[in-house]
C-alpha atoms as a PDB file:
ATOM      1  CA  MET A   1     -35.554  26.832 -17.147  1.00  0.00           C
ATOM      2  CA  LEU A   2     -36.439  23.174 -17.401  1.00  0.00           C
ATOM      3  CA  LEU A   3     -38.179  23.822 -20.699  1.00  0.00           C
ATOM      4  CA  LEU A   4     -35.088  25.543 -22.120  1.00  0.00           C
ATOM      5  CA  ARG A   5     -32.900  22.625 -21.038  1.00  0.00           C
ATOM      6  CA  LEU A   6     -35.281  20.183 -22.681  1.00  0.00           C
ATOM      7  CA  ILE A   7     -35.214  22.232 -25.886  1.00  0.00           C
ATOM      8  CA  ALA A   8     -31.405  22.280 -25.797  1.00  0.00           C
ATOM      9  CA  VAL A   9     -31.209  18.502 -25.431  1.00  0.00           C
ATOM     10  CA  LEU A  10     -33.709  17.940 -28.228  1.00  0.00           C
ATOM     11  CA  LEU A  11     -31.811  20.327 -30.500  1.00  0.00           C
ATOM     12  CA  ALA A  12     -28.531  18.541 -29.756  1.00  0.00           C
ATOM     13  CA  ILE A  13     -30.106  15.176 -30.585  1.00  0.00           C
ATOM     14  CA  GLY A  14     -31.620  16.620 -33.765  1.00  0.00           C
ATOM     15  CA  ILE A  15     -28.344  18.153 -34.901  1.00  0.00           C
ATOM     16  CA  GLY A  16     -26.484  14.918 -34.275  1.00  0.00           C
ATOM     17  CA  GLY A  17     -29.152  12.908 -36.079  1.00  0.00           C
ATOM     18  CA  SER A  18     -29.172  15.162 -39.103  1.00  0.00           C
ATOM     19  CA  LEU A  19     -25.383  15.106 -39.354  1.00  0.00           C
ATOM     20  CA  ALA A  20     -25.416  11.314 -39.087  1.00  0.00           C
ATOM     21  CA  ALA A  21     -28.076  11.167 -41.806  1.00  0.00           C
ATOM     22  CA  PHE A  22     -25.898  13.402 -43.993  1.00  0.00           C
ATOM     23  CA  VAL A  23     -22.872  11.143 -43.470  1.00  0.00           C
ATOM     24  CA  PHE A  24     -24.819   7.989 -44.334  1.00  0.00           C
ATOM     25  CA  THR A  25     -26.856   9.328 -47.274  1.00  0.00           C
ATOM     26  CA  GLY A  26     -24.777  12.204 -48.639  1.00  0.00           C
ATOM     27  CA  ASP A  27     -27.961  14.253 -49.095  1.00  0.00           C
ATOM     28  CA  ARG A  28     -27.131  17.921 -48.473  1.00  0.00           C
ATOM     29  CA  ARG A  29     -30.694  18.545 -47.304  1.00  0.00           C
ATOM     30  CA  TYR A  30     -29.792  16.981 -43.945  1.00  0.00           C
ATOM     31  CA  LEU A  31     -26.746  19.220 -43.655  1.00  0.00           C
ATOM     32  CA  ALA A  32     -28.920  22.298 -44.229  1.00  0.00           C
ATOM     33  CA  LEU A  33     -31.386  21.052 -41.603  1.00  0.00           C
ATOM     34  CA  GLY A  34     -28.552  20.545 -39.110  1.00  0.00           C
ATOM     35  CA  TRP A  35     -27.254  24.046 -39.758  1.00  0.00           C
ATOM     36  CA  ARG A  36     -30.731  25.523 -39.250  1.00  0.00           C
ATOM     37  CA  MET A  37     -31.138  23.630 -35.969  1.00  0.00           C
ATOM     38  CA  PHE A  38     -27.677  24.821 -34.877  1.00  0.00           C
ATOM     39  CA  ARG A  39     -28.793  28.428 -35.334  1.00  0.00           C
ATOM     40  CA  TYR A  40     -31.878  27.750 -33.205  1.00  0.00           C
ATOM     41  CA  ALA A  41     -29.641  26.116 -30.589  1.00  0.00           C
ATOM     42  CA  VAL A  42     -27.478  29.247 -30.422  1.00  0.00           C
ATOM     43  CA  ILE A  43     -30.589  31.377 -29.923  1.00  0.00           C
ATOM     44  CA  ALA A  44     -31.834  29.023 -27.184  1.00  0.00           C
ATOM     45  CA  ALA A  45     -28.440  29.189 -25.462  1.00  0.00           C
ATOM     46  CA  LEU A  46     -28.451  32.988 -25.566  1.00  0.00           C
ATOM     47  CA  VAL A  47     -31.932  33.090 -24.034  1.00  0.00           C
ATOM     48  CA  PHE A  48     -30.877  30.610 -21.344  1.00  0.00           C
ATOM     49  CA  PHE A  49     -27.801  32.621 -20.380  1.00  0.00           C
ATOM     50  CA  ALA A  50     -29.744  35.892 -20.480  1.00  0.00           C
ATOM     51  CA  LEU A  51     -32.206  34.417 -17.993  1.00  0.00           C
ATOM     52  CA  LEU A  52     -29.334  33.311 -15.765  1.00  0.00           C
ATOM     53  CA  ILE A  53     -27.876  36.819 -15.806  1.00  0.00           C
ATOM     54  CA  LEU A  54     -31.257  38.413 -15.096  1.00  0.00           C
ATOM     55  CA  GLU A  55     -31.724  36.025 -12.197  1.00  0.00           C
ATOM     56  CA  ARG A  56     -28.379  37.057 -10.729  1.00  0.00           C
ATOM     57  CA  VAL A  57     -29.222  40.733 -11.090  1.00  0.00           C
ATOM     58  CA  PHE A  58     -32.760  40.737  -9.729  1.00  0.00           C
ATOM     59  CA  VAL A  59     -32.608  38.110  -6.940  1.00  0.00           C
ATOM     60  CA  PRO A  60     -30.721  40.382  -4.483  1.00  0.00           C
ATOM     61  CA  PHE A  61     -33.585  42.894  -4.708  1.00  0.00           C
ATOM     62  CA  VAL A  62     -36.211  40.355  -3.598  1.00  0.00           C
END
């Protein structure tokens, strides 16, 4: 779980940095990079929430 949180924070920093780079330079390459990182962030969030749900389901059986 800690690893997924670390990945989420790093993705958020990366997305913000790439959007800031796009605003300052106007290079659309940074915008594409930010969009790609946003998609990875959505996947990481879905994995995180799936693990939370699985934890809620399987902990009562232990």
